[in-house]
Amino acid sequence: MIPRSFSLAAQKLTLTQSAITKKIQRLENNLGVDLFDRSKRPIDLTKEGAVLMHQAKLAREALGREAASVSYTHLRAHETR
């Protein structure tokens, strides 16, 4: 489950809320979009934030598959020597 407050996220990541806020603001500035609707409590993702979250999950899954493939290929190469 994803924390729905910067304070909870900070606790989970063992960072300060200020550090989390600054990192998110930097990311938002770099992307040129708001990722969170801060007018609601608990906070919620904006449409853009939801798209980024979805794409990040897909990328993480793809990296996991590639890492497994590389590991398998590496092991197979050593078996044939």
Protein backbone atom coordinates (compact mmCIF):
# COMPACT_ATOMS: atom_id res chain seq x y z
CA MET A 1 0.00 0.00 0.00
CA ILE A 2 1.23 3.46 -0.87
CA PRO A 3 1.25 6.04 1.94
CA ARG A 4 -1.25 8.83 1.30
CA SER A 5 0.67 11.49 3.16
CA PHE A 6 4.20 12.80 2.87
CA SER A 7 4.62 12.25 6.62
CA LEU A 8 3.81 8.54 6.35
CA ALA A 9 6.03 8.19 3.29
CA ALA A 10 8.86 9.87 5.18
CA GLN A 11 8.48 7.46 8.10
CA LYS A 12 8.45 4.46 5.77
CA LEU A 13 11.58 5.69 3.96
CA THR A 14 13.27 6.91 7.17
CA LEU A 15 13.54 10.43 5.80
CA THR A 16 12.13 13.71 7.03
CA GLN A 17 8.87 15.03 5.67
CA SER A 18 10.79 18.08 4.47
CA ALA A 19 13.17 15.88 2.45
CA ILE A 20 10.26 14.02 0.83
CA THR A 21 8.48 17.28 0.02
CA LYS A 22 11.60 18.77 -1.56
CA LYS A 23 12.27 15.67 -3.65
CA ILE A 24 8.68 15.59 -4.92
CA GLN A 25 8.70 19.31 -5.67
CA ARG A 26 11.97 18.91 -7.59
CA LEU A 27 10.49 16.05 -9.60
CA GLU A 28 7.33 18.04 -10.30
CA ASN A 29 9.41 21.04 -11.40
CA ASN A 30 11.53 18.85 -13.70
CA LEU A 31 8.43 17.27 -15.24
CA GLY A 32 6.44 20.50 -15.35
CA VAL A 33 3.34 18.94 -13.77
CA ASP A 34 1.80 18.48 -10.32
CA LEU A 35 1.88 14.83 -9.31
CA PHE A 36 -0.22 15.22 -6.17
CA ASP A 37 -3.45 17.04 -5.39
CA ARG A 38 -2.48 18.70 -2.14
CA SER A 39 -5.92 20.27 -1.64
CA LYS A 40 -7.28 16.93 -0.41
CA ARG A 41 -6.51 15.07 2.79
CA PRO A 42 -5.27 12.45 2.47
CA ILE A 43 -3.31 13.57 -0.59
CA ASP A 44 -4.13 11.96 -3.89
CA LEU A 45 -2.38 11.56 -7.21
CA THR A 46 -3.31 13.87 -10.04
CA LYS A 47 -4.06 12.36 -13.44
CA GLU A 48 -0.43 12.97 -14.38
CA GLY A 49 0.75 11.40 -11.13
CA ALA A 50 -1.34 8.31 -11.77
CA VAL A 51 0.10 7.99 -15.29
CA LEU A 52 3.65 8.32 -13.93
CA MET A 53 2.94 5.75 -11.20
CA HIS A 54 1.59 3.30 -13.76
CA GLN A 55 4.59 3.80 -16.06
CA ALA A 56 7.01 3.42 -13.15
CA LYS A 57 5.37 0.12 -12.17
CA LEU A 58 5.65 -1.14 -15.74
CA ALA A 59 9.30 -0.11 -15.89
CA ARG A 60 10.06 -1.82 -12.57
CA GLU A 61 8.41 -5.03 -13.79
CA ALA A 62 10.33 -4.90 -17.08
CA LEU A 63 13.61 -4.37 -15.23
CA GLY A 64 12.84 -7.33 -13.01
CA ARG A 65 12.20 -9.53 -16.03
CA GLU A 66 15.39 -8.34 -17.72
CA ALA A 67 17.45 -8.93 -14.57
CA ALA A 68 16.08 -12.45 -14.32
CA SER A 69 16.82 -13.06 -18.00
CA VAL A 70 20.39 -11.79 -17.66
CA SER A 71 20.95 -13.93 -14.58
CA TYR A 72 19.58 -17.01 -16.37
CA THR A 73 21.67 -16.32 -19.49
CA HIS A 74 24.78 -15.80 -17.36
CA LEU A 75 24.21 -19.08 -15.52
CA ARG A 76 23.58 -20.97 -18.77
CA ALA A 77 26.81 -19.58 -20.27
CA HIS A 78 28.81 -20.88 -17.31
CA GLU A 79 27.17 -24.33 -17.52
CA THR A 80 28.35 -24.83 -21.09
CA ARG A 81 32.01 -24.13 -20.34
